[in-house]
Amino acid sequence: MKNHVKVGGRLLQTNKTWSHLKQKQQEWILQTARKQYDRFLRERGKLPVEGSKKQLIEDIYTKIEEREIWIPYGEVYRVLCKHIARWNRREALALPQTDSDETDLTEPSEE
């Protein structure tokens, strides 16, 4: 039992992966992550990258721990980084372009 550790009277598998979770647990985690992601976008108006993405994943992991779903943080981080990157790409396409990216479409003035 080298890959198990006893914590609080419970035997936990230390090398557990995303695929070891039940389908219902995976779906709940991804739904919670999407809700947190959407809330982040509404509150801040920008995409989560770097430090803010890490903070978002930590908030989601806290909810996972409250639900008493055991999975190592590194595994959650790996899976959610992929999903957040995918969501960021979709949102970047949907966001309106800024004025600096647009070219001036007015006719040149004659002098």
PDB file of N, CA and C in Angstrom:
ATOM      1  N   MET A   1       0.833  -1.181   0.000  1.00  0.00           N
ATOM      2  CA  MET A   1       0.000   0.000   0.000  1.00  0.00           C
ATOM      3  C   MET A   1       0.877   1.245   0.000  1.00  0.00           C
ATOM      4  N   LYS A   2       1.850   1.244  -0.898  1.00  0.00           N
ATOM      5  CA  LYS A   2       2.770   2.375  -0.945  1.00  0.00           C
ATOM      6  C   LYS A   2       2.127   3.633  -1.528  1.00  0.00           C
ATOM      7  N   ASN A   3       1.008   3.510  -2.234  1.00  0.00           N
ATOM      8  CA  ASN A   3       0.352   4.664  -2.830  1.00  0.00           C
ATOM      9  C   ASN A   3      -0.868   5.116  -2.030  1.00  0.00           C
ATOM     10  N   HIS A   4      -0.932   4.730  -0.772  1.00  0.00           N
ATOM     11  CA  HIS A   4      -2.051   5.101   0.068  1.00  0.00           C
ATOM     12  C   HIS A   4      -1.539   5.728   1.363  1.00  0.00           C
ATOM     13  N   VAL A   5      -2.367   6.613   1.919  1.00  0.00           N
ATOM     14  CA  VAL A   5      -2.014   7.258   3.168  1.00  0.00           C
ATOM     15  C   VAL A   5      -3.291   7.361   3.992  1.00  0.00           C
ATOM     16  N   LYS A   6      -3.155   7.195   5.293  1.00  0.00           N
ATOM     17  CA  LYS A   6      -4.320   7.269   6.157  1.00  0.00           C
ATOM     18  C   LYS A   6      -4.444   8.695   6.690  1.00  0.00           C
ATOM     19  N   VAL A   7      -5.579   9.346   6.382  1.00  0.00           N
ATOM     20  CA  VAL A   7      -5.836  10.722   6.798  1.00  0.00           C
ATOM     21  C   VAL A   7      -7.207  10.764   7.444  1.00  0.00           C
ATOM     22  N   GLY A   8      -7.240  11.145   8.706  1.00  0.00           N
ATOM     23  CA  GLY A   8      -8.516  11.265   9.403  1.00  0.00           C
ATOM     24  C   GLY A   8      -9.304   9.965   9.445  1.00  0.00           C
ATOM     25  N   GLY A   9      -8.617   8.857   9.556  1.00  0.00           N
ATOM     26  CA  GLY A   9      -9.294   7.570   9.620  1.00  0.00           C
ATOM     27  C   GLY A   9      -9.709   7.038   8.256  1.00  0.00           C
ATOM     28  N   ARG A  10      -9.379   7.758   7.202  1.00  0.00           N
ATOM     29  CA  ARG A  10      -9.726   7.325   5.848  1.00  0.00           C
ATOM     30  C   ARG A  10      -8.461   6.977   5.086  1.00  0.00           C
ATOM     31  N   LEU A  11      -8.530   5.956   4.277  1.00  0.00           N
ATOM     32  CA  LEU A  11      -7.411   5.534   3.453  1.00  0.00           C
ATOM     33  C   LEU A  11      -7.527   6.229   2.095  1.00  0.00           C
ATOM     34  N   LEU A  12      -6.551   7.079   1.750  1.00  0.00           N
ATOM     35  CA  LEU A  12      -6.605   7.851   0.517  1.00  0.00           C
ATOM     36  C   LEU A  12      -5.508   7.415  -0.439  1.00  0.00           C
ATOM     37  N   GLN A  13      -5.853   7.334  -1.713  1.00  0.00           N
ATOM     38  CA  GLN A  13      -4.907   6.954  -2.745  1.00  0.00           C
ATOM     39  C   GLN A  13      -4.146   8.204  -3.190  1.00  0.00           C
ATOM     40  N   THR A  14      -2.825   8.200  -3.049  1.00  0.00           N
ATOM     41  CA  THR A  14      -2.038   9.397  -3.340  1.00  0.00           C
ATOM     42  C   THR A  14      -1.773   9.596  -4.829  1.00  0.00           C
ATOM     43  N   ASN A  15      -1.887   8.559  -5.625  1.00  0.00           N
ATOM     44  CA  ASN A  15      -1.614   8.688  -7.061  1.00  0.00           C
ATOM     45  C   ASN A  15      -2.905   8.639  -7.883  1.00  0.00           C
ATOM     46  N   LYS A  16      -3.984   9.116  -7.333  1.00  0.00           N
ATOM     47  CA  LYS A  16      -5.281   9.085  -8.009  1.00  0.00           C
ATOM     48  C   LYS A  16      -5.279  10.048  -9.194  1.00  0.00           C
ATOM     49  N   THR A  17      -5.878   9.657 -10.291  1.00  0.00           N
ATOM     50  CA  THR A  17      -5.947  10.504 -11.477  1.00  0.00           C
ATOM     51  C   THR A  17      -7.391  10.889 -11.759  1.00  0.00           C
ATOM     52  N   TRP A  18      -7.568  11.798 -12.706  1.00  0.00           N
ATOM     53  CA  TRP A  18      -8.896  12.290 -13.085  1.00  0.00           C
ATOM     54  C   TRP A  18      -9.795  11.134 -13.522  1.00  0.00           C
ATOM     55  N   SER A  19      -9.233  10.182 -14.250  1.00  0.00           N
ATOM     56  CA  SER A  19     -10.035   9.064 -14.756  1.00  0.00           C
ATOM     57  C   SER A  19     -10.505   8.127 -13.647  1.00  0.00           C
ATOM     58  N   HIS A  20      -9.893   8.206 -12.466  1.00  0.00           N
ATOM     59  CA  HIS A  20     -10.336   7.376 -11.348  1.00  0.00           C
ATOM     60  C   HIS A  20     -11.605   7.905 -10.696  1.00  0.00           C
ATOM     61  N   LEU A  21     -11.946   9.173 -10.973  1.00  0.00           N
ATOM     62  CA  LEU A  21     -13.165   9.743 -10.396  1.00  0.00           C
ATOM     63  C   LEU A  21     -14.381   9.157 -11.098  1.00  0.00           C
ATOM     64  N   LYS A  22     -15.493   9.143 -10.391  1.00  0.00           N
ATOM     65  CA  LYS A  22     -16.745   8.718 -11.004  1.00  0.00           C
ATOM     66  C   LYS A  22     -17.191   9.789 -11.986  1.00  0.00           C
ATOM     67  N   GLN A  23     -17.962   9.379 -12.996  1.00  0.00           N
ATOM     68  CA  GLN A  23     -18.435  10.308 -14.020  1.00  0.00           C
ATOM     69  C   GLN A  23     -19.206  11.469 -13.395  1.00  0.00           C
ATOM     70  N   LYS A  24     -20.021  11.169 -12.403  1.00  0.00           N
ATOM     71  CA  LYS A  24     -20.816  12.200 -11.738  1.00  0.00           C
ATOM     72  C   LYS A  24     -19.923  13.224 -11.033  1.00  0.00           C
ATOM     73  N   GLN A  25     -18.818  12.766 -10.429  1.00  0.00           N
ATOM     74  CA  GLN A  25     -17.873  13.666  -9.766  1.00  0.00           C
ATOM     75  C   GLN A  25     -17.163  14.547 -10.788  1.00  0.00           C
ATOM     76  N   GLN A  26     -16.748  13.959 -11.910  1.00  0.00           N
ATOM     77  CA  GLN A  26     -16.086  14.731 -12.950  1.00  0.00           C
ATOM     78  C   GLN A  26     -17.021  15.820 -13.476  1.00  0.00           C
ATOM     79  N   GLU A  27     -18.276  15.459 -13.738  1.00  0.00           N
ATOM     80  CA  GLU A  27     -19.247  16.419 -14.251  1.00  0.00           C
ATOM     81  C   GLU A  27     -19.486  17.540 -13.249  1.00  0.00           C
ATOM     82  N   TRP A  28     -19.604  17.199 -11.966  1.00  0.00           N
ATOM     83  CA  TRP A  28     -19.838  18.222 -10.942  1.00  0.00           C
ATOM     84  C   TRP A  28     -18.670  19.197 -10.877  1.00  0.00           C
ATOM     85  N   ILE A  29     -17.451  18.673 -10.933  1.00  0.00           N
ATOM     86  CA  ILE A  29     -16.265  19.529 -10.866  1.00  0.00           C
ATOM     87  C   ILE A  29     -16.226  20.474 -12.066  1.00  0.00           C
ATOM     88  N   LEU A  30     -16.493  19.951 -13.266  1.00  0.00           N
ATOM     89  CA  LEU A  30     -16.447  20.793 -14.454  1.00  0.00           C
ATOM     90  C   LEU A  30     -17.578  21.820 -14.469  1.00  0.00           C
ATOM     91  N   GLN A  31     -18.762  21.451 -13.977  1.00  0.00           N
ATOM     92  CA  GLN A  31     -19.864  22.412 -13.885  1.00  0.00           C
ATOM     93  C   GLN A  31     -19.527  23.515 -12.892  1.00  0.00           C
ATOM     94  N   THR A  32     -18.976  23.136 -11.759  1.00  0.00           N
ATOM     95  CA  THR A  32     -18.574  24.121 -10.757  1.00  0.00           C
ATOM     96  C   THR A  32     -17.486  25.028 -11.311  1.00  0.00           C
ATOM     97  N   ALA A  33     -16.530  24.446 -12.022  1.00  0.00           N
ATOM     98  CA  ALA A  33     -15.450  25.231 -12.613  1.00  0.00           C
ATOM     99  C   ALA A  33     -16.004  26.224 -13.632  1.00  0.00           C
ATOM    100  N   ARG A  34     -16.956  25.794 -14.440  1.00  0.00           N
ATOM    101  CA  ARG A  34     -17.516  26.696 -15.454  1.00  0.00           C
ATOM    102  C   ARG A  34     -18.291  27.842 -14.792  1.00  0.00           C
ATOM    103  N   LYS A  35     -19.037  27.522 -13.722  1.00  0.00           N
ATOM    104  CA  LYS A  35     -19.767  28.568 -13.001  1.00  0.00           C
ATOM    105  C   LYS A  35     -18.794  29.590 -12.408  1.00  0.00           C
ATOM    106  N   GLN A  36     -17.715  29.115 -11.798  1.00  0.00           N
ATOM    107  CA  GLN A  36     -16.711  30.004 -11.219  1.00  0.00           C
ATOM    108  C   GLN A  36     -16.038  30.836 -12.322  1.00  0.00           C
ATOM    109  N   TYR A  37     -15.770  30.214 -13.455  1.00  0.00           N
ATOM    110  CA  TYR A  37     -15.149  30.902 -14.586  1.00  0.00           C
ATOM    111  C   TYR A  37     -16.064  32.021 -15.089  1.00  0.00           C
ATOM    112  N   ASP A  38     -17.351  31.716 -15.272  1.00  0.00           N
ATOM    113  CA  ASP A  38     -18.307  32.723 -15.733  1.00  0.00           C
ATOM    114  C   ASP A  38     -18.442  33.863 -14.729  1.00  0.00           C
ATOM    115  N   ARG A  39     -18.450  33.533 -13.437  1.00  0.00           N
ATOM    116  CA  ARG A  39     -18.529  34.557 -12.391  1.00  0.00           C
ATOM    117  C   ARG A  39     -17.287  35.455 -12.445  1.00  0.00           C
ATOM    118  N   PHE A  40     -16.126  34.855 -12.667  1.00  0.00           N
ATOM    119  CA  PHE A  40     -14.880  35.617 -12.783  1.00  0.00           C
ATOM    120  C   PHE A  40     -14.964  36.609 -13.944  1.00  0.00           C
ATOM    121  N   LEU A  41     -15.476  36.145 -15.085  1.00  0.00           N
ATOM    122  CA  LEU A  41     -15.590  37.025 -16.249  1.00  0.00           C
ATOM    123  C   LEU A  41     -16.553  38.181 -15.986  1.00  0.00           C
ATOM    124  N   ARG A  42     -17.683  37.896 -15.336  1.00  0.00           N
ATOM    125  CA  ARG A  42     -18.655  38.946 -15.039  1.00  0.00           C
ATOM    126  C   ARG A  42     -18.078  39.975 -14.081  1.00  0.00           C
ATOM    127  N   GLU A  43     -17.396  39.503 -13.041  1.00  0.00           N
ATOM    128  CA  GLU A  43     -16.878  40.407 -12.019  1.00  0.00           C
ATOM    129  C   GLU A  43     -15.703  41.245 -12.515  1.00  0.00           C
ATOM    130  N   ARG A  44     -14.780  40.633 -13.242  1.00  0.00           N
ATOM    131  CA  ARG A  44     -13.551  41.333 -13.616  1.00  0.00           C
ATOM    132  C   ARG A  44     -13.529  41.819 -15.054  1.00  0.00           C
ATOM    133  N   GLY A  45     -14.347  41.230 -15.898  1.00  0.00           N
ATOM    134  CA  GLY A  45     -14.406  41.665 -17.288  1.00  0.00           C
ATOM    135  C   GLY A  45     -13.181  41.316 -18.112  1.00  0.00           C
ATOM    136  N   LYS A  46     -12.392  40.362 -17.663  1.00  0.00           N
ATOM    137  CA  LYS A  46     -11.218  39.930 -18.424  1.00  0.00           C
ATOM    138  C   LYS A  46     -11.021  38.433 -18.240  1.00  0.00           C
ATOM    139  N   LEU A  47     -10.192  37.852 -19.089  1.00  0.00           N
ATOM    140  CA  LEU A  47      -9.939  36.424 -19.039  1.00  0.00           C
ATOM    141  C   LEU A  47      -8.943  36.086 -17.929  1.00  0.00           C
ATOM    142  N   PRO A  48      -9.139  34.953 -17.253  1.00  0.00           N
ATOM    143  CA  PRO A  48      -8.171  34.557 -16.223  1.00  0.00           C
ATOM    144  C   PRO A  48      -6.902  33.979 -16.853  1.00  0.00           C
ATOM    145  N   VAL A  49      -5.787  34.609 -16.576  1.00  0.00           N
ATOM    146  CA  VAL A  49      -4.496  34.116 -17.056  1.00  0.00           C
ATOM    147  C   VAL A  49      -3.498  34.188 -15.911  1.00  0.00           C
ATOM    148  N   GLU A  50      -2.495  33.344 -15.976  1.00  0.00           N
ATOM    149  CA  GLU A  50      -1.404  33.297 -14.992  1.00  0.00           C
ATOM    150  C   GLU A  50      -1.902  33.234 -13.541  1.00  0.00           C
ATOM    151  N   GLY A  51      -1.635  34.273 -12.754  1.00  0.00           N
ATOM    152  CA  GLY A  51      -1.953  34.265 -11.327  1.00  0.00           C
ATOM    153  C   GLY A  51      -3.435  34.179 -11.045  1.00  0.00           C
ATOM    154  N   SER A  52      -4.248  34.861 -11.839  1.00  0.00           N
ATOM    155  CA  SER A  52      -5.684  34.825 -11.601  1.00  0.00           C
ATOM    156  C   SER A  52      -6.255  33.450 -11.941  1.00  0.00           C
ATOM    157  N   LYS A  53      -5.650  32.764 -12.925  1.00  0.00           N
ATOM    158  CA  LYS A  53      -6.090  31.406 -13.255  1.00  0.00           C
ATOM    159  C   LYS A  53      -5.753  30.460 -12.104  1.00  0.00           C
ATOM    160  N   LYS A  54      -4.590  30.624 -11.521  1.00  0.00           N
ATOM    161  CA  LYS A  54      -4.190  29.786 -10.396  1.00  0.00           C
ATOM    162  C   LYS A  54      -5.120  30.014  -9.204  1.00  0.00           C
ATOM    163  N   GLN A  55      -5.475  31.274  -8.936  1.00  0.00           N
ATOM    164  CA  GLN A  55      -6.398  31.596  -7.844  1.00  0.00           C
ATOM    165  C   GLN A  55      -7.775  30.999  -8.102  1.00  0.00           C
ATOM    166  N   LEU A  56      -8.223  31.037  -9.356  1.00  0.00           N
ATOM    167  CA  LEU A  56      -9.513  30.455  -9.731  1.00  0.00           C
ATOM    168  C   LEU A  56      -9.510  28.954  -9.470  1.00  0.00           C
ATOM    169  N   ILE A  57      -8.438  28.274  -9.842  1.00  0.00           N
ATOM    170  CA  ILE A  57      -8.337  26.827  -9.632  1.00  0.00           C
ATOM    171  C   ILE A  57      -8.284  26.510  -8.141  1.00  0.00           C
ATOM    172  N   GLU A  58      -7.595  27.327  -7.348  1.00  0.00           N
ATOM    173  CA  GLU A  58      -7.556  27.107  -5.900  1.00  0.00           C
ATOM    174  C   GLU A  58      -8.947  27.248  -5.280  1.00  0.00           C
ATOM    175  N   ASP A  59      -9.735  28.218  -5.753  1.00  0.00           N
ATOM    176  CA  ASP A  59     -11.107  28.377  -5.267  1.00  0.00           C
ATOM    177  C   ASP A  59     -11.953  27.154  -5.605  1.00  0.00           C
ATOM    178  N   ILE A  60     -11.779  26.640  -6.816  1.00  0.00           N
ATOM    179  CA  ILE A  60     -12.517  25.448  -7.239  1.00  0.00           C
ATOM    180  C   ILE A  60     -12.085  24.241  -6.411  1.00  0.00           C
ATOM    181  N   TYR A  61     -10.770  24.120  -6.156  1.00  0.00           N
ATOM    182  CA  TYR A  61     -10.276  22.988  -5.364  1.00  0.00           C
ATOM    183  C   TYR A  61     -10.828  23.030  -3.936  1.00  0.00           C
ATOM    184  N   THR A  62     -11.007  24.228  -3.395  1.00  0.00           N
ATOM    185  CA  THR A  62     -11.604  24.372  -2.064  1.00  0.00           C
ATOM    186  C   THR A  62     -13.015  23.797  -2.062  1.00  0.00           C
ATOM    187  N   LYS A  63     -13.775  24.074  -3.116  1.00  0.00           N
ATOM    188  CA  LYS A  63     -15.130  23.532  -3.223  1.00  0.00           C
ATOM    189  C   LYS A  63     -15.107  22.006  -3.357  1.00  0.00           C
ATOM    190  N   ILE A  64     -14.102  21.484  -4.059  1.00  0.00           N
ATOM    191  CA  ILE A  64     -13.965  20.033  -4.202  1.00  0.00           C
ATOM    192  C   ILE A  64     -13.701  19.407  -2.837  1.00  0.00           C
ATOM    193  N   GLU A  65     -12.819  20.024  -2.045  1.00  0.00           N
ATOM    194  CA  GLU A  65     -12.526  19.511  -0.709  1.00  0.00           C
ATOM    195  C   GLU A  65     -13.756  19.575   0.192  1.00  0.00           C
ATOM    196  N   GLU A  66     -14.543  20.651   0.083  1.00  0.00           N
ATOM    197  CA  GLU A  66     -15.768  20.760   0.877  1.00  0.00           C
ATOM    198  C   GLU A  66     -16.740  19.643   0.536  1.00  0.00           C
ATOM    199  N   ARG A  67     -16.763  19.232  -0.704  1.00  0.00           N
ATOM    200  CA  ARG A  67     -17.639  18.155  -1.168  1.00  0.00           C
ATOM    201  C   ARG A  67     -17.072  16.782  -0.799  1.00  0.00           C
ATOM    202  N   GLU A  68     -15.863  16.775  -0.230  1.00  0.00           N
ATOM    203  CA  GLU A  68     -15.151  15.566   0.199  1.00  0.00           C
ATOM    204  C   GLU A  68     -14.848  14.621  -0.953  1.00  0.00           C
ATOM    205  N   ILE A  69     -14.469  15.197  -2.080  1.00  0.00           N
ATOM    206  CA  ILE A  69     -13.988  14.410  -3.214  1.00  0.00           C
ATOM    207  C   ILE A  69     -12.472  14.435  -3.128  1.00  0.00           C
ATOM    208  N   TRP A  70     -11.853  13.280  -3.003  1.00  0.00           N
ATOM    209  CA  TRP A  70     -10.401  13.246  -2.872  1.00  0.00           C
ATOM    210  C   TRP A  70      -9.762  13.078  -4.239  1.00  0.00           C
ATOM    211  N   ILE A  71      -8.964  14.055  -4.616  1.00  0.00           N
ATOM    212  CA  ILE A  71      -8.116  13.987  -5.800  1.00  0.00           C
ATOM    213  C   ILE A  71      -6.964  14.951  -5.547  1.00  0.00           C
ATOM    214  N   PRO A  72      -5.736  14.580  -5.894  1.00  0.00           N
ATOM    215  CA  PRO A  72      -4.600  15.474  -5.651  1.00  0.00           C
ATOM    216  C   PRO A  72      -4.745  16.809  -6.389  1.00  0.00           C
ATOM    217  N   TYR A  73      -4.234  17.873  -5.780  1.00  0.00           N
ATOM    218  CA  TYR A  73      -4.335  19.216  -6.354  1.00  0.00           C
ATOM    219  C   TYR A  73      -3.692  19.281  -7.739  1.00  0.00           C
ATOM    220  N   GLY A  74      -2.556  18.629  -7.894  1.00  0.00           N
ATOM    221  CA  GLY A  74      -1.852  18.662  -9.181  1.00  0.00           C
ATOM    222  C   GLY A  74      -2.685  18.104 -10.316  1.00  0.00           C
ATOM    223  N   GLU A  75      -3.471  17.090 -10.025  1.00  0.00           N
ATOM    224  CA  GLU A  75      -4.326  16.485 -11.046  1.00  0.00           C
ATOM    225  C   GLU A  75      -5.464  17.432 -11.425  1.00  0.00           C
ATOM    226  N   VAL A  76      -6.050  18.084 -10.415  1.00  0.00           N
ATOM    227  CA  VAL A  76      -7.116  19.055 -10.675  1.00  0.00           C
ATOM    228  C   VAL A  76      -6.541  20.228 -11.469  1.00  0.00           C
ATOM    229  N   TYR A  77      -5.364  20.695 -11.087  1.00  0.00           N
ATOM    230  CA  TYR A  77      -4.715  21.812 -11.767  1.00  0.00           C
ATOM    231  C   TYR A  77      -4.475  21.477 -13.237  1.00  0.00           C
ATOM    232  N   ARG A  78      -3.976  20.289 -13.508  1.00  0.00           N
ATOM    233  CA  ARG A  78      -3.680  19.860 -14.873  1.00  0.00           C
ATOM    234  C   ARG A  78      -4.947  19.852 -15.737  1.00  0.00           C
ATOM    235  N   VAL A  79      -6.016  19.265 -15.226  1.00  0.00           N
ATOM    236  CA  VAL A  79      -7.261  19.140 -15.988  1.00  0.00           C
ATOM    237  C   VAL A  79      -7.915  20.505 -16.180  1.00  0.00           C
ATOM    238  N   LEU A  80      -7.994  21.295 -15.114  1.00  0.00           N
ATOM    239  CA  LEU A  80      -8.676  22.581 -15.216  1.00  0.00           C
ATOM    240  C   LEU A  80      -7.899  23.589 -16.064  1.00  0.00           C
ATOM    241  N   CYS A  81      -6.581  23.496 -16.082  1.00  0.00           N
ATOM    242  CA  CYS A  81      -5.799  24.389 -16.949  1.00  0.00           C
ATOM    243  C   CYS A  81      -6.188  24.173 -18.413  1.00  0.00           C
ATOM    244  N   LYS A  82      -6.367  22.916 -18.799  1.00  0.00           N
ATOM    245  CA  LYS A  82      -6.769  22.611 -20.168  1.00  0.00           C
ATOM    246  C   LYS A  82      -8.143  23.195 -20.476  1.00  0.00           C
ATOM    247  N   HIS A  83      -9.077  23.010 -19.553  1.00  0.00           N
ATOM    248  CA  HIS A  83     -10.434  23.506 -19.778  1.00  0.00           C
ATOM    249  C   HIS A  83     -10.487  25.027 -19.791  1.00  0.00           C
ATOM    250  N   ILE A  84      -9.769  25.656 -18.878  1.00  0.00           N
ATOM    251  CA  ILE A  84      -9.763  27.123 -18.831  1.00  0.00           C
ATOM    252  C   ILE A  84      -9.129  27.688 -20.098  1.00  0.00           C
ATOM    253  N   ALA A  85      -8.080  27.061 -20.596  1.00  0.00           N
ATOM    254  CA  ALA A  85      -7.455  27.519 -21.833  1.00  0.00           C
ATOM    255  C   ALA A  85      -8.452  27.420 -22.996  1.00  0.00           C
ATOM    256  N   ARG A  86      -9.202  26.341 -23.045  1.00  0.00           N
ATOM    257  CA  ARG A  86     -10.211  26.166 -24.091  1.00  0.00           C
ATOM    258  C   ARG A  86     -11.299  27.225 -23.963  1.00  0.00           C
ATOM    259  N   TRP A  87     -11.763  27.464 -22.737  1.00  0.00           N
ATOM    260  CA  TRP A  87     -12.800  28.476 -22.511  1.00  0.00           C
ATOM    261  C   TRP A  87     -12.266  29.868 -22.854  1.00  0.00           C
ATOM    262  N   ASN A  88     -11.008  30.139 -22.536  1.00  0.00           N
ATOM    263  CA  ASN A  88     -10.408  31.432 -22.860  1.00  0.00           C
ATOM    264  C   ASN A  88     -10.369  31.658 -24.376  1.00  0.00           C
ATOM    265  N   ARG A  89     -10.032  30.606 -25.139  1.00  0.00           N
ATOM    266  CA  ARG A  89      -9.993  30.740 -26.593  1.00  0.00           C
ATOM    267  C   ARG A  89     -11.384  31.061 -27.143  1.00  0.00           C
ATOM    268  N   ARG A  90     -12.393  30.383 -26.619  1.00  0.00           N
ATOM    269  CA  ARG A  90     -13.765  30.642 -27.071  1.00  0.00           C
ATOM    270  C   ARG A  90     -14.208  32.048 -26.702  1.00  0.00           C
ATOM    271  N   GLU A  91     -13.909  32.473 -25.493  1.00  0.00           N
ATOM    272  CA  GLU A  91     -14.311  33.808 -25.046  1.00  0.00           C
ATOM    273  C   GLU A  91     -13.554  34.899 -25.803  1.00  0.00           C
ATOM    274  N   ALA A  92     -12.299  34.650 -26.134  1.00  0.00           N
ATOM    275  CA  ALA A  92     -11.510  35.646 -26.861  1.00  0.00           C
ATOM    276  C   ALA A  92     -12.112  35.896 -28.236  1.00  0.00           C
ATOM    277  N   LEU A  93     -12.662  34.865 -28.854  1.00  0.00           N
ATOM    278  CA  LEU A  93     -13.310  35.034 -30.150  1.00  0.00           C
ATOM    279  C   LEU A  93     -14.620  35.796 -30.019  1.00  0.00           C
ATOM    280  N   ALA A  94     -15.299  35.636 -28.880  1.00  0.00           N
ATOM    281  CA  ALA A  94     -16.598  36.271 -28.683  1.00  0.00           C
ATOM    282  C   ALA A  94     -16.480  37.716 -28.197  1.00  0.00           C
ATOM    283  N   LEU A  95     -15.357  38.059 -27.568  1.00  0.00           N
ATOM    284  CA  LEU A  95     -15.185  39.414 -27.053  1.00  0.00           C
ATOM    285  C   LEU A  95     -15.030  40.402 -28.196  1.00  0.00           C
ATOM    286  N   PRO A  96     -15.609  41.598 -28.062  1.00  0.00           N
ATOM    287  CA  PRO A  96     -15.440  42.603 -29.111  1.00  0.00           C
ATOM    288  C   PRO A  96     -14.000  43.082 -29.168  1.00  0.00           C
ATOM    289  N   GLN A  97     -13.563  43.459 -30.349  1.00  0.00           N
ATOM    290  CA  GLN A  97     -12.195  43.955 -30.535  1.00  0.00           C
ATOM    291  C   GLN A  97     -12.068  45.335 -29.914  1.00  0.00           C
ATOM    292  N   THR A  98     -10.893  45.667 -29.426  1.00  0.00           N
ATOM    293  CA  THR A  98     -10.657  46.988 -28.861  1.00  0.00           C
ATOM    294  C   THR A  98     -10.429  47.990 -29.974  1.00  0.00           C
ATOM    295  N   ASP A  99     -10.539  49.285 -29.663  1.00  0.00           N
ATOM    296  CA  ASP A  99     -10.372  50.335 -30.653  1.00  0.00           C
ATOM    297  C   ASP A  99      -8.972  50.354 -31.253  1.00  0.00           C
ATOM    298  N   SER A 100      -7.967  49.968 -30.495  1.00  0.00           N
ATOM    299  CA  SER A 100      -6.590  50.009 -30.980  1.00  0.00           C
ATOM    300  C   SER A 100      -6.354  48.978 -32.084  1.00  0.00           C
ATOM    301  N   ASP A 101      -7.139  47.917 -32.107  1.00  0.00           N
ATOM    302  CA  ASP A 101      -6.974  46.890 -33.126  1.00  0.00           C
ATOM    303  C   ASP A 101      -7.682  47.247 -34.432  1.00  0.00           C
ATOM    304  N   GLU A 102      -8.652  48.135 -34.370  1.00  0.00           N
ATOM    305  CA  GLU A 102      -9.421  48.478 -35.554  1.00  0.00           C
ATOM    306  C   GLU A 102      -8.682  49.536 -36.363  1.00  0.00           C
ATOM    307  N   THR A 103      -8.833  49.434 -37.667  1.00  0.00           N
ATOM    308  CA  THR A 103      -8.215  50.432 -38.529  1.00  0.00           C
ATOM    309  C   THR A 103      -9.207  51.546 -38.786  1.00  0.00           C
ATOM    310  N   ASP A 104      -8.731  52.688 -39.099  1.00  0.00           N
ATOM    311  CA  ASP A 104      -9.583  53.838 -39.360  1.00  0.00           C
ATOM    312  C   ASP A 104     -10.203  53.673 -40.746  1.00  0.00           C
ATOM    313  N   LEU A 105     -11.543  53.555 -40.782  1.00  0.00           N
ATOM    314  CA  LEU A 105     -12.227  53.306 -42.029  1.00  0.00           C
ATOM    315  C   LEU A 105     -12.771  54.579 -42.667  1.00  0.00           C
ATOM    316  N   THR A 106     -12.473  55.729 -42.095  1.00  0.00           N
ATOM    317  CA  THR A 106     -12.959  56.984 -42.652  1.00  0.00           C
ATOM    318  C   THR A 106     -12.133  57.344 -43.886  1.00  0.00           C
ATOM    319  N   GLU A 107     -12.739  58.131 -44.745  1.00  0.00           N
ATOM    320  CA  GLU A 107     -12.040  58.518 -45.962  1.00  0.00           C
ATOM    321  C   GLU A 107     -10.958  59.546 -45.624  1.00  0.00           C
ATOM    322  N   PRO A 108      -9.842  59.487 -46.288  1.00  0.00           N
ATOM    323  CA  PRO A 108      -8.778  60.460 -46.008  1.00  0.00           C
ATOM    324  C   PRO A 108      -9.237  61.850 -46.450  1.00  0.00           C
ATOM    325  N   SER A 109      -8.861  62.827 -45.712  1.00  0.00           N
ATOM    326  CA  SER A 109      -9.254  64.208 -46.035  1.00  0.00           C
ATOM    327  C   SER A 109      -8.361  64.748 -47.143  1.00  0.00           C
ATOM    328  N   GLU A 110      -8.971  65.539 -48.004  1.00  0.00           N
ATOM    329  CA  GLU A 110      -8.199  66.111 -49.116  1.00  0.00           C
ATOM    330  C   GLU A 110      -7.658  67.449 -48.702  1.00  0.00           C
ATOM    331  N   GLU A 111      -6.414  67.682 -48.895  1.00  0.00           N
ATOM    332  CA  GLU A 111      -5.783  68.953 -48.518  1.00  0.00           C
ATOM    333  C   GLU A 111      -5.238  69.676 -49.680  1.00  0.00           C
TER     334      GLU A 111
END
